[in-house]
PDB file of N, CA and C in Angstrom:
ATOM      1  N   MET A   1       0.014  -5.702 -31.068  1.00  0.00           N
ATOM      2  CA  MET A   1       1.397  -6.068 -31.221  1.00  0.00           C
ATOM      3  C   MET A   1       2.087  -6.056 -29.852  1.00  0.00           C
ATOM      4  N   ARG A   2       2.923  -7.044 -29.606  1.00  0.00           N
ATOM      5  CA  ARG A   2       3.637  -7.135 -28.336  1.00  0.00           C
ATOM      6  C   ARG A   2       4.859  -6.238 -28.319  1.00  0.00           C
ATOM      7  N   ARG A   3       5.090  -5.634 -27.175  1.00  0.00           N
ATOM      8  CA  ARG A   3       6.292  -4.812 -26.998  1.00  0.00           C
ATOM      9  C   ARG A   3       7.466  -5.698 -26.632  1.00  0.00           C
ATOM     10  N   LEU A   4       8.640  -5.275 -27.031  1.00  0.00           N
ATOM     11  CA  LEU A   4       9.848  -5.999 -26.638  1.00  0.00           C
ATOM     12  C   LEU A   4      10.114  -5.772 -25.158  1.00  0.00           C
ATOM     13  N   GLN A   5      10.638  -6.788 -24.519  1.00  0.00           N
ATOM     14  CA  GLN A   5      10.964  -6.668 -23.099  1.00  0.00           C
ATOM     15  C   GLN A   5      12.364  -6.094 -22.936  1.00  0.00           C
ATOM     16  N   ALA A   6      12.669  -5.655 -21.727  1.00  0.00           N
ATOM     17  CA  ALA A   6      13.943  -4.978 -21.465  1.00  0.00           C
ATOM     18  C   ALA A   6      15.134  -5.869 -21.779  1.00  0.00           C
ATOM     19  N   TRP A   7      15.046  -7.149 -21.442  1.00  0.00           N
ATOM     20  CA  TRP A   7      16.194  -8.024 -21.673  1.00  0.00           C
ATOM     21  C   TRP A   7      16.457  -8.203 -23.161  1.00  0.00           C
ATOM     22  N   GLN A   8      15.445  -8.077 -24.002  1.00  0.00           N
ATOM     23  CA  GLN A   8      15.644  -8.179 -25.445  1.00  0.00           C
ATOM     24  C   GLN A   8      16.347  -6.932 -25.980  1.00  0.00           C
ATOM     25  N   TYR A   9      16.018  -5.778 -25.438  1.00  0.00           N
ATOM     26  CA  TYR A   9      16.749  -4.560 -25.798  1.00  0.00           C
ATOM     27  C   TYR A   9      18.207  -4.653 -25.351  1.00  0.00           C
ATOM     28  N   LEU A  10      18.429  -5.208 -24.165  1.00  0.00           N
ATOM     29  CA  LEU A  10      19.787  -5.313 -23.636  1.00  0.00           C
ATOM     30  C   LEU A  10      20.670  -6.207 -24.503  1.00  0.00           C
ATOM     31  N   ILE A  11      20.098  -7.258 -25.071  1.00  0.00           N
ATOM     32  CA  ILE A  11      20.878  -8.125 -25.953  1.00  0.00           C
ATOM     33  C   ILE A  11      21.430  -7.319 -27.127  1.00  0.00           C
ATOM     34  N   GLY A  12      20.594  -6.515 -27.744  1.00  0.00           N
ATOM     35  CA  GLY A  12      21.048  -5.684 -28.863  1.00  0.00           C
ATOM     36  C   GLY A  12      22.062  -4.643 -28.454  1.00  0.00           C
ATOM     37  N   ILE A  13      21.801  -3.999 -27.332  1.00  0.00           N
ATOM     38  CA  ILE A  13      22.709  -2.959 -26.845  1.00  0.00           C
ATOM     39  C   ILE A  13      24.079  -3.541 -26.531  1.00  0.00           C
ATOM     40  N   PHE A  14      24.105  -4.665 -25.811  1.00  0.00           N
ATOM     41  CA  PHE A  14      25.387  -5.276 -25.451  1.00  0.00           C
ATOM     42  C   PHE A  14      26.107  -5.862 -26.660  1.00  0.00           C
ATOM     43  N   ALA A  15      25.368  -6.355 -27.643  1.00  0.00           N
ATOM     44  CA  ALA A  15      26.005  -6.881 -28.853  1.00  0.00           C
ATOM     45  C   ALA A  15      26.717  -5.757 -29.610  1.00  0.00           C
ATOM     46  N   VAL A  16      26.046  -4.629 -29.757  1.00  0.00           N
ATOM     47  CA  VAL A  16      26.661  -3.483 -30.440  1.00  0.00           C
ATOM     48  C   VAL A  16      27.867  -2.976 -29.647  1.00  0.00           C
ATOM     49  N   PHE A  17      27.714  -2.874 -28.324  1.00  0.00           N
ATOM     50  CA  PHE A  17      28.826  -2.417 -27.487  1.00  0.00           C
ATOM     51  C   PHE A  17      30.011  -3.359 -27.600  1.00  0.00           C
ATOM     52  N   TRP A  18      29.755  -4.686 -27.586  1.00  0.00           N
ATOM     53  CA  TRP A  18      30.830  -5.663 -27.642  1.00  0.00           C
ATOM     54  C   TRP A  18      31.595  -5.531 -28.957  1.00  0.00           C
ATOM     55  N   VAL A  19      30.889  -5.372 -30.053  1.00  0.00           N
ATOM     56  CA  VAL A  19      31.545  -5.242 -31.360  1.00  0.00           C
ATOM     57  C   VAL A  19      32.386  -3.965 -31.417  1.00  0.00           C
ATOM     58  N   ILE A  20      31.838  -2.860 -30.955  1.00  0.00           N
ATOM     59  CA  ILE A  20      32.601  -1.604 -30.951  1.00  0.00           C
ATOM     60  C   ILE A  20      33.816  -1.711 -30.042  1.00  0.00           C
ATOM     61  N   PHE A  21      33.638  -2.313 -28.863  1.00  0.00           N
ATOM     62  CA  PHE A  21      34.745  -2.501 -27.918  1.00  0.00           C
ATOM     63  C   PHE A  21      35.828  -3.393 -28.521  1.00  0.00           C
ATOM     64  N   ALA A  22      35.421  -4.463 -29.212  1.00  0.00           N
ATOM     65  CA  ALA A  22      36.384  -5.364 -29.844  1.00  0.00           C
ATOM     66  C   ALA A  22      37.170  -4.643 -30.940  1.00  0.00           C
ATOM     67  N   VAL A  23      36.486  -3.856 -31.747  1.00  0.00           N
ATOM     68  CA  VAL A  23      37.170  -3.125 -32.823  1.00  0.00           C
ATOM     69  C   VAL A  23      38.165  -2.133 -32.242  1.00  0.00           C
ATOM     70  N   VAL A  24      37.760  -1.430 -31.210  1.00  0.00           N
ATOM     71  CA  VAL A  24      38.669  -0.454 -30.591  1.00  0.00           C
ATOM     72  C   VAL A  24      39.884  -1.155 -29.991  1.00  0.00           C
ATOM     73  N   LEU A  25      39.664  -2.261 -29.292  1.00  0.00           N
ATOM     74  CA  LEU A  25      40.791  -2.956 -28.681  1.00  0.00           C
ATOM     75  C   LEU A  25      41.734  -3.565 -29.713  1.00  0.00           C
ATOM     76  N   ILE A  26      41.183  -4.104 -30.770  1.00  0.00           N
ATOM     77  CA  ILE A  26      42.014  -4.805 -31.741  1.00  0.00           C
ATOM     78  C   ILE A  26      42.743  -3.833 -32.670  1.00  0.00           C
ATOM     79  N   PHE A  27      42.046  -2.835 -33.180  1.00  0.00           N
ATOM     80  CA  PHE A  27      42.641  -1.988 -34.211  1.00  0.00           C
ATOM     81  C   PHE A  27      43.268  -0.700 -33.680  1.00  0.00           C
ATOM     82  N   PHE A  28      42.767  -0.168 -32.591  1.00  0.00           N
ATOM     83  CA  PHE A  28      43.248   1.138 -32.138  1.00  0.00           C
ATOM     84  C   PHE A  28      44.098   1.083 -30.875  1.00  0.00           C
ATOM     85  N   SER A  29      44.391  -0.107 -30.402  1.00  0.00           N
ATOM     86  CA  SER A  29      45.245  -0.207 -29.215  1.00  0.00           C
ATOM     87  C   SER A  29      46.366  -1.188 -29.502  1.00  0.00           C
ATOM     88  N   ASP A  30      47.327  -1.159 -28.653  1.00  0.00           N
ATOM     89  CA  ASP A  30      48.498  -2.012 -28.857  1.00  0.00           C
ATOM     90  C   ASP A  30      48.611  -3.036 -27.730  1.00  0.00           C
ATOM     91  N   PHE A  31      47.459  -3.560 -27.279  1.00  0.00           N
ATOM     92  CA  PHE A  31      47.454  -4.548 -26.207  1.00  0.00           C
ATOM     93  C   PHE A  31      47.775  -5.932 -26.755  1.00  0.00           C
ATOM     94  N   PRO A  32      48.380  -6.777 -25.930  1.00  0.00           N
ATOM     95  CA  PRO A  32      48.604  -8.164 -26.342  1.00  0.00           C
ATOM     96  C   PRO A  32      47.270  -8.914 -26.472  1.00  0.00           C
ATOM     97  N   PHE A  33      47.299 -10.009 -27.226  1.00  0.00           N
ATOM     98  CA  PHE A  33      46.086 -10.760 -27.517  1.00  0.00           C
ATOM     99  C   PHE A  33      45.410 -11.278 -26.256  1.00  0.00           C
ATOM    100  N   TYR A  34      46.175 -11.749 -25.270  1.00  0.00           N
ATOM    101  CA  TYR A  34      45.545 -12.317 -24.073  1.00  0.00           C
ATOM    102  C   TYR A  34      44.829 -11.250 -23.246  1.00  0.00           C
ATOM    103  N   ILE A  35      45.286 -10.025 -23.264  1.00  0.00           N
ATOM    104  CA  ILE A  35      44.583  -8.956 -22.550  1.00  0.00           C
ATOM    105  C   ILE A  35      43.290  -8.610 -23.282  1.00  0.00           C
ATOM    106  N   ILE A  36      43.344  -8.579 -24.603  1.00  0.00           N
ATOM    107  CA  ILE A  36      42.128  -8.337 -25.379  1.00  0.00           C
ATOM    108  C   ILE A  36      41.124  -9.458 -25.140  1.00  0.00           C
ATOM    109  N   SER A  37      41.585 -10.702 -25.127  1.00  0.00           N
ATOM    110  CA  SER A  37      40.697 -11.840 -24.881  1.00  0.00           C
ATOM    111  C   SER A  37      40.067 -11.773 -23.498  1.00  0.00           C
ATOM    112  N   MET A  38      40.866 -11.431 -22.490  1.00  0.00           N
ATOM    113  CA  MET A  38      40.331 -11.333 -21.125  1.00  0.00           C
ATOM    114  C   MET A  38      39.313 -10.205 -21.031  1.00  0.00           C
ATOM    115  N   ALA A  39      39.576  -9.079 -21.658  1.00  0.00           N
ATOM    116  CA  ALA A  39      38.656  -7.941 -21.608  1.00  0.00           C
ATOM    117  C   ALA A  39      37.333  -8.290 -22.281  1.00  0.00           C
ATOM    118  N   LEU A  40      37.394  -8.898 -23.450  1.00  0.00           N
ATOM    119  CA  LEU A  40      36.167  -9.256 -24.165  1.00  0.00           C
ATOM    120  C   LEU A  40      35.378 -10.341 -23.434  1.00  0.00           C
ATOM    121  N   THR A  41      36.084 -11.291 -22.834  1.00  0.00           N
ATOM    122  CA  THR A  41      35.407 -12.340 -22.065  1.00  0.00           C
ATOM    123  C   THR A  41      34.737 -11.759 -20.831  1.00  0.00           C
ATOM    124  N   THR A  42      35.406 -10.852 -20.154  1.00  0.00           N
ATOM    125  CA  THR A  42      34.830 -10.223 -18.972  1.00  0.00           C
ATOM    126  C   THR A  42      33.583  -9.424 -19.330  1.00  0.00           C
ATOM    127  N   ILE A  43      33.661  -8.643 -20.388  1.00  0.00           N
ATOM    128  CA  ILE A  43      32.506  -7.863 -20.826  1.00  0.00           C
ATOM    129  C   ILE A  43      31.353  -8.785 -21.218  1.00  0.00           C
ATOM    130  N   THR A  44      31.660  -9.890 -21.880  1.00  0.00           N
ATOM    131  CA  THR A  44      30.619 -10.848 -22.272  1.00  0.00           C
ATOM    132  C   THR A  44      29.944 -11.450 -21.056  1.00  0.00           C
ATOM    133  N   MET A  45      30.713 -11.878 -20.075  1.00  0.00           N
ATOM    134  CA  MET A  45      30.135 -12.499 -18.879  1.00  0.00           C
ATOM    135  C   MET A  45      29.291 -11.501 -18.077  1.00  0.00           C
ATOM    136  N   LEU A  46      29.763 -10.279 -17.931  1.00  0.00           N
ATOM    137  CA  LEU A  46      28.977  -9.267 -17.221  1.00  0.00           C
ATOM    138  C   LEU A  46      27.695  -8.930 -17.974  1.00  0.00           C
ATOM    139  N   SER A  47      27.773  -8.871 -19.293  1.00  0.00           N
ATOM    140  CA  SER A  47      26.580  -8.610 -20.101  1.00  0.00           C
ATOM    141  C   SER A  47      25.570  -9.741 -19.954  1.00  0.00           C
ATOM    142  N   LEU A  48      26.047 -10.985 -20.001  1.00  0.00           N
ATOM    143  CA  LEU A  48      25.146 -12.131 -19.831  1.00  0.00           C
ATOM    144  C   LEU A  48      24.505 -12.141 -18.448  1.00  0.00           C
ATOM    145  N   LEU A  49      25.250 -11.755 -17.435  1.00  0.00           N
ATOM    146  CA  LEU A  49      24.697 -11.687 -16.085  1.00  0.00           C
ATOM    147  C   LEU A  49      23.582 -10.642 -16.012  1.00  0.00           C
ATOM    148  N   ILE A  50      23.804  -9.478 -16.575  1.00  0.00           N
ATOM    149  CA  ILE A  50      22.791  -8.425 -16.549  1.00  0.00           C
ATOM    150  C   ILE A  50      21.554  -8.838 -17.343  1.00  0.00           C
ATOM    151  N   ILE A  51      21.754  -9.480 -18.488  1.00  0.00           N
ATOM    152  CA  ILE A  51      20.620  -9.952 -19.283  1.00  0.00           C
ATOM    153  C   ILE A  51      19.844 -11.023 -18.533  1.00  0.00           C
ATOM    154  N   ALA A  52      20.549 -11.941 -17.869  1.00  0.00           N
ATOM    155  CA  ALA A  52      19.874 -12.987 -17.095  1.00  0.00           C
ATOM    156  C   ALA A  52      19.076 -12.388 -15.936  1.00  0.00           C
ATOM    157  N   LEU A  53      19.630 -11.394 -15.277  1.00  0.00           N
ATOM    158  CA  LEU A  53      18.906 -10.742 -14.186  1.00  0.00           C
ATOM    159  C   LEU A  53      17.673 -10.006 -14.705  1.00  0.00           C
ATOM    160  N   ALA A  54      17.795  -9.355 -15.856  1.00  0.00           N
ATOM    161  CA  ALA A  54      16.636  -8.672 -16.439  1.00  0.00           C
ATOM    162  C   ALA A  54      15.569  -9.671 -16.859  1.00  0.00           C
ATOM    163  N   TRP A  55      15.994 -10.792 -17.427  1.00  0.00           N
ATOM    164  CA  TRP A  55      15.037 -11.839 -17.812  1.00  0.00           C
ATOM    165  C   TRP A  55      14.323 -12.396 -16.585  1.00  0.00           C
ATOM    166  N   ALA A  56      15.081 -12.674 -15.514  1.00  0.00           N
ATOM    167  CA  ALA A  56      14.487 -13.209 -14.292  1.00  0.00           C
ATOM    168  C   ALA A  56      13.524 -12.208 -13.667  1.00  0.00           C
ATOM    169  N   TYR A  57      13.851 -10.941 -13.743  1.00  0.00           N
ATOM    170  CA  TYR A  57      12.969  -9.918 -13.189  1.00  0.00           C
ATOM    171  C   TYR A  57      11.643  -9.846 -13.941  1.00  0.00           C
ATOM    172  N   THR A  58      11.710  -9.956 -15.276  1.00  0.00           N
ATOM    173  CA  THR A  58      10.477  -9.876 -16.059  1.00  0.00           C
ATOM    174  C   THR A  58       9.650 -11.145 -15.968  1.00  0.00           C
ATOM    175  N   HIS A  59      10.270 -12.243 -15.543  1.00  0.00           N
ATOM    176  CA  HIS A  59       9.530 -13.505 -15.416  1.00  0.00           C
ATOM    177  C   HIS A  59       9.256 -13.875 -13.943  1.00  0.00           C
ATOM    178  N   ASP A  60       9.436 -12.938 -13.050  1.00  0.00           N
ATOM    179  CA  ASP A  60       9.131 -13.092 -11.614  1.00  0.00           C
ATOM    180  C   ASP A  60       9.871 -14.243 -10.944  1.00  0.00           C
ATOM    181  N   TYR A  61      11.155 -14.398 -11.251  1.00  0.00           N
ATOM    182  CA  TYR A  61      11.961 -15.409 -10.562  1.00  0.00           C
ATOM    183  C   TYR A  61      12.694 -14.790  -9.408  1.00  0.00           C
TER     184      TYR A  61
END
């Protein structure tokens, strides 16, 4: 059986973090919608960058 690679674990970890972060920002804070949108977009882009770097590292790019 093949083991999962690091970038595949990171996808799950960042997805769970993003959902928890979104719930906290939306329901437990009193921030305006555009600040919540900017925060979630920033977290998404940084997560995608880290996943892309992990993928490139495992594929020798």
